[in-house]
N, C-alpha and C. Protein backbone atom coordinates (compact mmCIF):
# COMPACT_ATOMS: atom_id res chain seq x y z
N MET A 1 145.78 155.80 -38.58
CA MET A 1 145.93 154.37 -38.60
C MET A 1 147.40 154.01 -38.36
N LYS A 2 147.66 153.12 -37.44
CA LYS A 2 149.02 152.86 -37.02
C LYS A 2 149.85 152.06 -38.03
N GLY A 3 149.27 151.08 -38.69
CA GLY A 3 150.01 150.23 -39.60
C GLY A 3 149.95 150.72 -41.05
N ASP A 4 149.67 151.96 -41.23
CA ASP A 4 149.53 152.51 -42.58
C ASP A 4 150.86 152.52 -43.32
N ARG A 5 150.85 152.17 -44.59
CA ARG A 5 152.08 152.14 -45.37
C ARG A 5 152.71 153.52 -45.50
N PHE A 6 151.88 154.53 -45.67
CA PHE A 6 152.41 155.89 -45.85
C PHE A 6 153.17 156.34 -44.60
N ASP A 7 152.63 156.05 -43.43
CA ASP A 7 153.33 156.41 -42.19
C ASP A 7 154.66 155.67 -42.08
N ASN A 8 154.68 154.42 -42.47
CA ASN A 8 155.92 153.64 -42.42
C ASN A 8 156.96 154.22 -43.37
N ARG A 9 156.54 154.65 -44.56
CA ARG A 9 157.47 155.25 -45.51
C ARG A 9 158.03 156.55 -44.96
N ARG A 10 157.20 157.33 -44.31
CA ARG A 10 157.68 158.58 -43.73
C ARG A 10 158.70 158.32 -42.65
N ASN A 11 158.51 157.27 -41.87
CA ASN A 11 159.49 156.92 -40.84
C ASN A 11 160.81 156.50 -41.46
N LEU A 12 160.78 155.77 -42.57
CA LEU A 12 162.01 155.35 -43.22
C LEU A 12 162.74 156.53 -43.83
N MET A 13 162.01 157.54 -44.30
CA MET A 13 162.65 158.72 -44.87
C MET A 13 163.43 159.48 -43.80
N ASN A 14 163.00 159.41 -42.56
CA ASN A 14 163.64 160.12 -41.48
C ASN A 14 164.69 159.26 -40.77
N PHE A 15 164.99 158.11 -41.33
CA PHE A 15 165.94 157.19 -40.71
C PHE A 15 167.32 157.81 -40.56
N ASN A 16 167.78 158.58 -41.54
CA ASN A 16 169.13 159.14 -41.51
C ASN A 16 169.33 160.13 -40.37
N LYS A 17 168.28 160.69 -39.85
CA LYS A 17 168.42 161.65 -38.76
C LYS A 17 168.89 160.98 -37.46
N SER A 18 168.53 159.71 -37.27
CA SER A 18 168.89 159.03 -36.04
C SER A 18 170.18 158.21 -36.17
N THR A 19 170.72 158.09 -37.37
CA THR A 19 171.94 157.33 -37.60
C THR A 19 173.14 158.25 -37.48
N SER A 20 174.18 157.79 -36.81
CA SER A 20 175.35 158.63 -36.60
C SER A 20 176.01 158.98 -37.93
N LYS A 21 176.65 160.12 -37.98
CA LYS A 21 177.26 160.60 -39.21
C LYS A 21 178.38 159.66 -39.67
N GLU A 22 179.10 159.08 -38.72
CA GLU A 22 180.19 158.17 -39.06
C GLU A 22 179.70 156.97 -39.86
N LYS A 23 178.53 156.44 -39.50
CA LYS A 23 178.00 155.28 -40.21
C LYS A 23 177.46 155.65 -41.58
N LEU A 24 177.05 156.88 -41.76
CA LEU A 24 176.51 157.30 -43.04
C LEU A 24 177.58 157.67 -44.05
N GLU A 25 178.78 157.97 -43.58
CA GLU A 25 179.85 158.37 -44.47
C GLU A 25 180.31 157.19 -45.32
N ASN A 26 180.75 157.50 -46.51
CA ASN A 26 181.30 156.49 -47.39
C ASN A 26 182.65 156.05 -46.82
N GLY A 27 182.81 154.77 -46.53
CA GLY A 27 184.05 154.29 -45.92
C GLY A 27 184.10 154.61 -44.44
N SER A 28 183.17 154.08 -43.67
CA SER A 28 183.09 154.40 -42.25
C SER A 28 184.27 153.85 -41.45
N THR A 29 185.19 153.14 -42.10
CA THR A 29 186.36 152.62 -41.40
C THR A 29 187.53 153.59 -41.48
N LYS A 30 187.25 154.78 -41.94
CA LYS A 30 188.28 155.81 -42.04
C LYS A 30 188.83 156.09 -40.63
N ASP A 31 190.12 156.27 -40.51
CA ASP A 31 190.79 156.53 -39.24
C ASP A 31 190.70 155.34 -38.27
N LYS A 32 190.51 154.13 -38.78
CA LYS A 32 190.48 152.95 -37.93
C LYS A 32 191.50 151.94 -38.46
N PHE A 33 191.91 151.04 -37.61
CA PHE A 33 192.94 150.07 -37.95
C PHE A 33 192.35 148.66 -38.00
N PRO A 34 192.66 147.88 -39.04
CA PRO A 34 192.11 146.52 -39.13
C PRO A 34 192.86 145.54 -38.24
N VAL A 35 192.11 144.62 -37.65
CA VAL A 35 192.69 143.52 -36.88
C VAL A 35 192.15 142.25 -37.52
N VAL A 36 193.05 141.39 -38.00
CA VAL A 36 192.66 140.17 -38.70
C VAL A 36 192.58 139.03 -37.69
N LEU A 37 191.44 138.34 -37.69
CA LEU A 37 191.21 137.22 -36.78
C LEU A 37 190.82 135.99 -37.59
N ASP A 38 190.95 134.82 -37.01
CA ASP A 38 190.57 133.54 -37.65
C ASP A 38 191.25 133.35 -38.99
N ASN A 39 192.53 133.62 -39.08
CA ASN A 39 193.29 133.44 -40.32
C ASN A 39 192.66 134.17 -41.50
N GLY A 40 192.13 135.34 -41.25
CA GLY A 40 191.58 136.16 -42.32
C GLY A 40 190.09 136.03 -42.52
N LYS A 41 189.42 135.16 -41.78
CA LYS A 41 187.97 135.01 -41.93
C LYS A 41 187.22 136.17 -41.31
N THR A 42 187.79 136.76 -40.27
CA THR A 42 187.14 137.85 -39.56
C THR A 42 188.09 139.04 -39.50
N ILE A 43 187.58 140.19 -39.85
CA ILE A 43 188.35 141.43 -39.76
C ILE A 43 187.52 142.44 -38.98
N ILE A 44 188.10 143.00 -37.93
CA ILE A 44 187.41 144.05 -37.19
C ILE A 44 188.28 145.30 -37.25
N PHE A 45 187.66 146.43 -37.06
CA PHE A 45 188.36 147.71 -37.11
C PHE A 45 188.29 148.36 -35.75
N ILE A 46 189.46 148.81 -35.25
CA ILE A 46 189.53 149.46 -33.95
C ILE A 46 190.15 150.84 -34.12
N SER A 47 189.85 151.71 -33.19
CA SER A 47 190.36 153.08 -33.30
C SER A 47 191.73 153.24 -32.65
N ASP A 48 192.10 152.34 -31.74
CA ASP A 48 193.37 152.44 -31.04
C ASP A 48 194.27 151.26 -31.43
N LYS A 49 195.28 151.52 -32.22
CA LYS A 49 196.14 150.47 -32.75
C LYS A 49 196.90 149.74 -31.64
N THR A 50 197.14 150.40 -30.52
CA THR A 50 197.91 149.78 -29.44
C THR A 50 197.14 148.66 -28.75
N LYS A 51 195.84 148.57 -28.96
CA LYS A 51 195.03 147.55 -28.30
C LYS A 51 194.77 146.35 -29.20
N ALA A 52 195.47 146.25 -30.31
CA ALA A 52 195.25 145.15 -31.25
C ALA A 52 195.53 143.80 -30.61
N GLN A 53 196.63 143.65 -29.89
CA GLN A 53 196.96 142.37 -29.26
C GLN A 53 195.92 142.00 -28.20
N GLU A 54 195.42 142.98 -27.47
CA GLU A 54 194.40 142.72 -26.47
C GLU A 54 193.12 142.19 -27.13
N VAL A 55 192.76 142.77 -28.24
CA VAL A 55 191.56 142.34 -28.96
C VAL A 55 191.73 140.92 -29.48
N ILE A 56 192.90 140.60 -30.00
CA ILE A 56 193.17 139.26 -30.50
C ILE A 56 193.07 138.23 -29.37
N LEU A 57 193.64 138.54 -28.21
CA LEU A 57 193.56 137.62 -27.07
C LEU A 57 192.14 137.44 -26.58
N ARG A 58 191.38 138.53 -26.51
CA ARG A 58 189.99 138.43 -26.07
C ARG A 58 189.18 137.59 -27.06
N TYR A 59 189.46 137.73 -28.34
CA TYR A 59 188.75 136.94 -29.35
C TYR A 59 189.06 135.46 -29.22
N LYS A 60 190.34 135.13 -29.01
CA LYS A 60 190.72 133.73 -28.86
C LYS A 60 190.13 133.11 -27.60
N ASN A 61 190.00 133.89 -26.53
CA ASN A 61 189.54 133.36 -25.24
C ASN A 61 188.04 133.51 -25.03
N ARG A 62 187.30 133.96 -26.02
CA ARG A 62 185.87 134.14 -25.85
C ARG A 62 185.20 132.79 -25.65
N GLY A 63 184.24 132.76 -24.76
CA GLY A 63 183.51 131.53 -24.50
C GLY A 63 184.20 130.56 -23.56
N LYS A 64 185.43 130.86 -23.17
CA LYS A 64 186.13 129.99 -22.21
C LYS A 64 185.90 130.53 -20.81
N PRO A 65 185.61 129.63 -19.86
CA PRO A 65 185.37 130.10 -18.47
C PRO A 65 186.60 130.57 -17.78
């Protein structure tokens, strides 16, 4: 039976196999640098610190033609 609860539970138990190890680790922002946007309302993490200004400019110009 396709919609069986037991089958769905088994699929959820195997969820960790398809998730990358980085996302499963405690503190997945390890080795990443924070970039603060919108006066502190938004914080994103990037792996290359030298591209922080580029990310800020792209964020400010998003949605503009």
